[in-house]
Amino acid sequence: MEGSPSALDGSRLLITARITEQKGHFMPPDLLDSQFADLETLGDDEVGAAIPVDGTPKEPAALAHAAVTSS
């Protein structure tokens, strides 16, 4: 795989709203507490990219693609 690994990054409020708005989503919003508790952001000495999930679905997809294909 080329480039750096990437991770999606978004606020708890935004992610909760998106999960709540989706009908039949596999993950109920009450599981977010454990997900955010276990979340580890990249350290200053780690290679990678945090991709913001705000905006349209195409925007983070384009940012993630650019992050993993760049050298």
C-alpha atoms as a PDB file:
ATOM      1  CA  MET A   1       0.000   0.000   0.000  1.00  0.00           C
ATOM      2  CA  GLU A   2       1.320   3.417  -0.898  1.00  0.00           C
ATOM      3  CA  GLY A   3       1.295   6.527   1.251  1.00  0.00           C
ATOM      4  CA  SER A   4       0.260   6.936   4.835  1.00  0.00           C
ATOM      5  CA  PRO A   5      -2.579   5.284   6.717  1.00  0.00           C
ATOM      6  CA  SER A   6      -5.612   7.439   7.336  1.00  0.00           C
ATOM      7  CA  ALA A   7      -8.283   7.514  10.015  1.00  0.00           C
ATOM      8  CA  LEU A   8     -11.661   9.191   9.970  1.00  0.00           C
ATOM      9  CA  ASP A   9     -12.035  12.052  12.432  1.00  0.00           C
ATOM     10  CA  GLY A  10     -15.237  13.689  13.607  1.00  0.00           C
ATOM     11  CA  SER A  11     -16.865  15.172  16.658  1.00  0.00           C
ATOM     12  CA  ARG A  12     -19.020  13.062  18.937  1.00  0.00           C
ATOM     13  CA  LEU A  13     -21.945  15.426  18.240  1.00  0.00           C
ATOM     14  CA  LEU A  14     -21.669  15.051  14.453  1.00  0.00           C
ATOM     15  CA  ILE A  15     -21.258  11.273  14.543  1.00  0.00           C
ATOM     16  CA  THR A  16     -24.145  10.862  17.010  1.00  0.00           C
ATOM     17  CA  ALA A  17     -26.389  12.961  14.769  1.00  0.00           C
ATOM     18  CA  ARG A  18     -25.496  10.964  11.664  1.00  0.00           C
ATOM     19  CA  ILE A  19     -26.052   7.598  13.347  1.00  0.00           C
ATOM     20  CA  THR A  20     -29.349   8.776  14.839  1.00  0.00           C
ATOM     21  CA  GLU A  21     -30.580  10.029  11.437  1.00  0.00           C
ATOM     22  CA  GLN A  22     -29.879   6.710   9.698  1.00  0.00           C
ATOM     23  CA  LYS A  23     -32.740   4.245   9.790  1.00  0.00           C
ATOM     24  CA  GLY A  24     -31.752   0.669  10.586  1.00  0.00           C
ATOM     25  CA  HIS A  25     -28.093   1.534  11.272  1.00  0.00           C
ATOM     26  CA  PHE A  26     -26.205  -1.441  12.685  1.00  0.00           C
ATOM     27  CA  MET A  27     -24.696   0.585  15.532  1.00  0.00           C
ATOM     28  CA  PRO A  28     -26.933   2.253  18.115  1.00  0.00           C
ATOM     29  CA  PRO A  29     -25.775   5.676  19.366  1.00  0.00           C
ATOM     30  CA  ASP A  30     -25.358   4.381  22.937  1.00  0.00           C
ATOM     31  CA  LEU A  31     -22.314   2.367  21.803  1.00  0.00           C
ATOM     32  CA  LEU A  32     -20.462   5.565  20.884  1.00  0.00           C
ATOM     33  CA  ASP A  33     -19.284   6.070  24.473  1.00  0.00           C
ATOM     34  CA  SER A  34     -17.162   2.915  24.316  1.00  0.00           C
ATOM     35  CA  GLN A  35     -15.933   3.749  20.819  1.00  0.00           C
ATOM     36  CA  PHE A  36     -14.772   7.224  21.790  1.00  0.00           C
ATOM     37  CA  ALA A  37     -13.238   5.883  25.019  1.00  0.00           C
ATOM     38  CA  ASP A  38     -11.079   3.443  23.008  1.00  0.00           C
ATOM     39  CA  LEU A  39     -10.276   5.892  20.207  1.00  0.00           C
ATOM     40  CA  GLU A  40      -6.599   6.699  19.858  1.00  0.00           C
ATOM     41  CA  THR A  41      -5.577   9.672  17.758  1.00  0.00           C
ATOM     42  CA  LEU A  42      -2.293   9.695  15.899  1.00  0.00           C
ATOM     43  CA  GLY A  43       0.650  10.837  17.970  1.00  0.00           C
ATOM     44  CA  ASP A  44       2.983  13.596  16.810  1.00  0.00           C
ATOM     45  CA  ASP A  45       5.612  10.962  16.005  1.00  0.00           C
ATOM     46  CA  GLU A  46       3.238   8.722  13.998  1.00  0.00           C
ATOM     47  CA  VAL A  47       2.835   8.808  10.238  1.00  0.00           C
ATOM     48  CA  GLY A  48      -0.716   9.102   8.950  1.00  0.00           C
ATOM     49  CA  ALA A  49      -3.607  11.423   8.294  1.00  0.00           C
ATOM     50  CA  ALA A  50      -6.794  12.244  10.191  1.00  0.00           C
ATOM     51  CA  ILE A  51      -9.585  12.721   7.669  1.00  0.00           C
ATOM     52  CA  PRO A  52     -12.411  15.032   8.798  1.00  0.00           C
ATOM     53  CA  VAL A  53     -15.868  13.544   8.215  1.00  0.00           C
ATOM     54  CA  ASP A  54     -17.784  16.803   8.146  1.00  0.00           C
ATOM     55  CA  GLY A  55     -18.978  17.944   4.755  1.00  0.00           C
ATOM     56  CA  THR A  56     -20.421  15.803   1.994  1.00  0.00           C
ATOM     57  CA  PRO A  57     -19.584  12.074   1.763  1.00  0.00           C
ATOM     58  CA  LYS A  58     -17.446  12.766  -1.306  1.00  0.00           C
ATOM     59  CA  GLU A  59     -15.164  15.224   0.531  1.00  0.00           C
ATOM     60  CA  PRO A  60     -13.709  12.818   3.130  1.00  0.00           C
ATOM     61  CA  ALA A  61     -13.519  10.100   0.478  1.00  0.00           C
ATOM     62  CA  ALA A  62     -11.378  12.359  -1.729  1.00  0.00           C
ATOM     63  CA  LEU A  63      -9.178  13.364   1.237  1.00  0.00           C
ATOM     64  CA  ALA A  64      -8.691   9.727   2.264  1.00  0.00           C
ATOM     65  CA  HIS A  65      -7.830   8.717  -1.281  1.00  0.00           C
ATOM     66  CA  ALA A  66      -5.288  11.536  -1.517  1.00  0.00           C
ATOM     67  CA  ALA A  67      -3.759  10.564   1.848  1.00  0.00           C
ATOM     68  CA  VAL A  68      -3.207   6.913   0.953  1.00  0.00           C
ATOM     69  CA  THR A  69      -1.974   7.503  -2.577  1.00  0.00           C
ATOM     70  CA  SER A  70       0.465  10.347  -1.872  1.00  0.00           C
ATOM     71  CA  SER A  71       4.116   9.670  -1.187  1.00  0.00           C
END
